Amino acid sequence: MFFQHSSDIWRDFPELVPGALYAEGITADAVPGARIAAHAERATARLAGASEGELPEVQAWRRTFTRMGLKPTQYRCASEALLRRFRKEGSLPRLHPLIDLCNAVSIGYAIPIAVFDVSRITSYVEVRHAAGDETYLTFGGETEHPPAGEVIFADAEGRAHARRWTNRQSGHSAVRDTTANVLIVAEALHDTAARDVESLLATLTDELNGLWPVTPKSAILTPAAPRFEFPGQ
């Protein structure tokens, strides 16, 4: 299996820095509370000096959404949405230890992170423009068809595992209690994205190693090396 971005995405967004990580052996019984709190403290400190919409990481995604023809205050990248909720409520809901951890790392870095159950993916995931015939399963169980041209995460069966690039994931490949093997993707476009995504991947690797008996594999992708390969199911 593999993860990659289409050549069109690299052409249109040359500033993109994607990081990908694969891990096996995830379970639902880990207790990441202290680790989550540490990343939440970092987010709190950053929000004390600026709103989430003023952070350079979020501003870069707002510009990207505008370029895609989306109103950035209507459709927010995942990290902005999480930061906004965190600022208003002081915490994030607990869903699954891996999701809770990734959400905490996401608000700490202000970078969107997607997590996919590999067993629910067919052959590959490619970030590309939709053809218009793909299917997307909402968390409420409804099926949608992203319009042609929308940036989606698509697999070999035409399933859209995320819509509007970093806006919303699909319920089909969401992490659940039975999830064991995962693909984690972090993407950034701001000026220090290369340094920050490298730091984020290192942080995630350390956190995963501290919670599960896993040996994560990760890489930062580039136009010259755009594909991240990982074991299939």
Protein backbone atom coordinates (compact mmCIF):
# COMPACT_ATOMS: atom_id res chain seq x y z
CA MET A 1 0.00 0.00 0.00
CA PHE A 2 1.07 3.60 -0.37
CA PHE A 3 0.19 7.21 0.30
CA GLN A 4 0.93 10.06 -2.06
CA HIS A 5 -0.22 13.39 -3.51
CA SER A 6 -1.06 13.76 -7.18
CA SER A 7 1.26 15.71 -9.46
CA ASP A 8 -1.44 18.38 -9.78
CA ILE A 9 -1.38 18.99 -6.03
CA TRP A 10 2.41 19.34 -6.03
CA ARG A 11 2.21 21.67 -9.03
CA ASP A 12 -0.42 23.92 -7.49
CA PHE A 13 0.96 23.89 -3.94
CA PRO A 14 4.76 23.65 -4.19
CA GLU A 15 5.10 24.92 -0.61
CA LEU A 16 3.38 21.78 0.72
CA VAL A 17 5.24 19.69 3.32
CA PRO A 18 3.49 16.37 4.06
CA GLY A 19 4.61 13.93 6.71
CA ALA A 20 3.35 10.33 6.84
CA LEU A 21 3.64 7.72 9.58
CA TYR A 22 2.59 4.07 9.73
CA ALA A 23 2.23 2.04 12.92
CA GLU A 24 1.02 -1.45 13.78
CA GLY A 25 -0.25 -2.73 17.11
CA ILE A 26 -2.50 0.13 18.23
CA THR A 27 -5.01 -0.79 20.95
CA ALA A 28 -7.84 1.08 22.63
CA ASP A 29 -6.64 0.57 26.21
CA ALA A 30 -3.75 3.05 26.36
CA VAL A 31 -3.93 5.97 28.79
CA PRO A 32 -2.42 9.09 27.19
CA GLY A 33 -3.74 11.64 29.69
CA ALA A 34 -0.44 13.19 30.79
CA ARG A 35 0.84 13.35 27.23
CA ILE A 36 -2.35 15.04 26.06
CA ALA A 37 -2.07 17.60 28.86
CA ALA A 38 1.46 18.56 27.81
CA HIS A 39 0.40 19.32 24.24
CA ALA A 40 -2.70 21.15 25.48
CA GLU A 41 -0.42 23.40 27.56
CA ARG A 42 1.53 24.29 24.45
CA ALA A 43 -1.69 25.16 22.64
CA THR A 44 -2.86 27.26 25.58
CA ALA A 45 0.40 29.20 25.56
CA ARG A 46 0.13 29.93 21.85
CA LEU A 47 -3.50 30.97 22.10
CA ALA A 48 -2.62 33.37 24.89
CA GLY A 49 -0.78 35.50 22.38
CA ALA A 50 -2.98 35.12 19.30
CA SER A 51 -6.24 33.62 18.13
CA GLU A 52 -6.09 30.39 16.17
CA GLY A 53 -6.82 32.30 12.96
CA GLU A 54 -3.69 34.42 13.47
CA LEU A 55 -1.28 31.50 13.75
CA PRO A 56 0.96 31.18 10.66
CA GLU A 57 0.17 27.48 10.28
CA VAL A 58 -3.56 28.21 10.14
CA GLN A 59 -3.18 31.30 7.98
CA ALA A 60 -1.38 29.21 5.36
CA TRP A 61 -4.30 26.76 5.28
CA ARG A 62 -6.80 29.62 5.08
CA ARG A 63 -5.01 30.93 2.02
CA THR A 64 -5.02 27.44 0.54
CA PHE A 65 -8.75 27.01 1.13
CA THR A 66 -9.36 30.37 -0.53
CA ARG A 67 -7.33 29.23 -3.55
CA MET A 68 -9.52 26.11 -3.69
CA GLY A 69 -12.63 28.32 -3.87
CA LEU A 70 -13.72 27.65 -0.29
CA LYS A 71 -14.64 30.27 2.28
CA PRO A 72 -12.01 29.67 4.99
CA THR A 73 -14.28 30.70 7.86
CA GLN A 74 -16.97 28.28 6.65
CA TYR A 75 -14.66 25.35 5.97
CA ARG A 76 -11.74 25.24 8.40
CA CYS A 77 -8.75 22.95 8.32
CA ALA A 78 -8.90 20.31 11.05
CA SER A 79 -6.30 21.92 13.32
CA GLU A 80 -8.06 25.28 13.24
CA ALA A 81 -11.39 23.63 14.06
CA LEU A 82 -9.81 21.79 16.99
CA LEU A 83 -8.05 24.91 18.27
CA ARG A 84 -11.26 26.90 18.03
CA ARG A 85 -13.12 24.31 20.08
CA PHE A 86 -10.26 24.04 22.56
CA ARG A 87 -10.17 27.83 23.03
CA LYS A 88 -13.91 27.98 23.67
CA GLU A 89 -14.30 24.87 25.84
CA GLY A 90 -10.86 24.45 27.42
CA SER A 91 -10.59 20.81 26.37
CA LEU A 92 -11.35 18.38 23.56
CA PRO A 93 -13.70 15.37 23.72
CA ARG A 94 -12.12 11.98 24.37
CA LEU A 95 -12.78 9.50 21.55
CA HIS A 96 -9.98 6.92 21.38
CA PRO A 97 -6.47 7.13 22.90
CA LEU A 98 -4.79 7.46 19.50
CA ILE A 99 -7.24 10.06 18.22
CA ASP A 100 -7.04 11.96 21.51
CA LEU A 101 -3.24 11.97 21.30
CA CYS A 102 -3.17 13.08 17.64
CA ASN A 103 -5.71 15.81 18.32
CA ALA A 104 -3.55 17.08 21.17
CA VAL A 105 -0.41 17.06 19.01
CA SER A 106 -2.39 18.81 16.27
CA ILE A 107 -3.42 21.73 18.50
CA GLY A 108 0.07 21.92 19.97
CA TYR A 109 1.59 22.34 16.51
CA ALA A 110 -1.49 23.97 14.87
CA ILE A 111 -1.02 21.48 12.01
CA PRO A 112 -3.83 19.22 10.76
CA ILE A 113 -3.33 15.51 11.39
CA ALA A 114 -5.41 12.76 9.77
CA VAL A 115 -5.53 9.21 11.13
CA PHE A 116 -6.81 6.31 9.01
CA ASP A 117 -7.57 2.69 9.87
CA VAL A 118 -5.50 0.88 7.22
CA SER A 119 -7.87 -2.11 7.20
CA ARG A 120 -10.53 0.20 5.76
CA ILE A 121 -8.39 1.43 2.85
CA THR A 122 -8.10 -0.29 -0.53
CA SER A 123 -4.59 -0.39 -2.06
CA TYR A 124 -3.57 3.25 -1.55
CA VAL A 125 -4.53 6.75 -0.49
CA GLU A 126 -3.91 9.62 -2.88
CA VAL A 127 -4.59 13.29 -2.23
CA ARG A 128 -6.04 14.43 -5.54
CA HIS A 129 -8.86 16.30 -7.23
CA ALA A 130 -12.16 14.41 -7.22
CA ALA A 131 -13.58 13.15 -10.49
CA GLY A 132 -17.10 13.55 -9.13
CA ASP A 133 -18.06 9.88 -8.82
CA GLU A 134 -16.32 9.09 -5.52
CA THR A 135 -18.28 8.20 -2.38
CA TYR A 136 -17.79 9.72 1.06
CA LEU A 137 -19.35 8.28 4.22
CA THR A 138 -20.17 10.85 6.89
CA PHE A 139 -19.89 10.06 10.61
CA GLY A 140 -23.67 10.14 10.65
CA GLY A 141 -23.83 7.30 8.12
CA GLU A 142 -24.88 9.35 5.08
CA THR A 143 -23.20 8.95 1.69
CA GLU A 144 -22.01 12.05 -0.16
CA HIS A 145 -20.37 12.57 -3.52
CA PRO A 146 -17.66 15.26 -3.50
CA PRO A 147 -17.99 17.48 -6.58
CA ALA A 148 -15.46 17.23 -9.36
CA GLY A 149 -12.37 19.27 -8.58
CA GLU A 150 -12.60 19.08 -4.80
CA VAL A 151 -9.38 17.92 -3.13
CA ILE A 152 -9.98 14.57 -1.46
CA PHE A 153 -8.09 11.60 -0.02
CA ALA A 154 -9.10 8.77 -2.39
CA ASP A 155 -8.39 5.04 -2.49
CA ALA A 156 -8.47 2.48 -5.31
CA GLU A 157 -12.22 1.87 -4.92
CA GLY A 158 -13.10 5.53 -5.28
CA ARG A 159 -13.80 6.09 -1.61
CA ALA A 160 -13.10 9.59 -0.35
CA HIS A 161 -11.47 9.22 3.06
CA ALA A 162 -11.37 12.99 3.59
CA ARG A 163 -13.14 15.94 1.98
CA ARG A 164 -11.91 19.45 1.22
CA TRP A 165 -8.35 18.26 1.78
CA THR A 166 -7.83 18.83 5.53
CA ASN A 167 -11.38 19.81 6.43
CA ARG A 168 -13.15 16.58 7.39
CA GLN A 169 -12.37 12.86 7.45
CA SER A 170 -14.72 10.02 6.54
CA GLY A 171 -16.47 7.77 8.98
CA HIS A 172 -15.50 4.77 6.84
CA SER A 173 -11.82 4.70 7.80
CA ALA A 174 -12.08 6.38 11.19
CA VAL A 175 -10.18 4.80 14.07
CA ARG A 176 -12.33 2.54 16.23
CA ASP A 177 -11.76 0.14 19.15
CA THR A 178 -10.80 -2.67 16.76
CA THR A 179 -8.24 -0.59 14.87
CA ALA A 180 -4.71 -2.02 14.96
CA ASN A 181 -2.76 -0.57 12.02
CA VAL A 182 -2.89 3.11 11.15
CA LEU A 183 -1.70 5.65 8.62
CA ILE A 184 -1.16 9.11 10.09
CA VAL A 185 -0.73 12.14 7.82
CA ALA A 186 0.29 15.68 8.80
CA GLU A 187 0.41 18.49 6.22
CA ALA A 188 1.60 22.07 6.41
CA LEU A 189 2.28 24.96 4.04
CA HIS A 190 3.66 27.77 6.24
CA ASP A 191 7.21 29.15 6.03
CA THR A 192 8.72 26.84 8.65
CA ALA A 193 6.66 23.81 7.63
CA ALA A 194 9.65 21.58 6.85
CA ARG A 195 11.14 22.03 10.30
CA ASP A 196 7.80 21.82 12.09
CA VAL A 197 6.53 18.69 10.32
CA GLU A 198 9.84 16.96 11.04
CA SER A 199 9.46 17.88 14.71
CA LEU A 200 5.82 16.75 14.73
CA LEU A 201 6.71 13.33 13.29
CA ALA A 202 9.47 12.89 15.86
CA THR A 203 7.07 13.86 18.64
CA LEU A 204 4.40 11.46 17.43
CA THR A 205 6.95 8.64 17.17
CA ASP A 206 8.08 9.23 20.75
CA GLU A 207 4.50 9.40 22.02
CA LEU A 208 3.45 6.23 20.19
CA ASN A 209 6.50 4.38 21.50
CA GLY A 210 5.57 5.43 25.01
CA LEU A 211 2.00 4.16 24.78
CA TRP A 212 2.14 1.06 22.59
CA PRO A 213 4.73 -1.61 21.67
CA VAL A 214 5.07 -0.20 18.16
CA THR A 215 7.87 0.65 15.75
CA PRO A 216 6.51 3.51 13.64
CA LYS A 217 7.79 4.12 10.14
CA SER A 218 7.67 7.70 8.88
CA ALA A 219 8.83 10.01 6.11
CA ILE A 220 8.53 13.56 4.88
CA LEU A 221 7.38 13.57 1.27
CA THR A 222 8.64 15.81 -1.52
CA PRO A 223 7.95 16.20 -5.25
CA ALA A 224 11.09 14.13 -5.88
CA ALA A 225 10.03 11.44 -3.37
CA PRO A 226 6.23 11.74 -3.23
CA ARG A 227 5.28 8.20 -2.22
CA PHE A 228 5.17 6.64 1.26
CA GLU A 229 4.89 2.85 1.15
CA PHE A 230 3.59 0.77 4.04
CA PRO A 231 2.35 -2.81 4.57
CA GLY A 232 -1.11 -3.76 3.36
CA GLN A 233 -3.75 -5.78 5.17
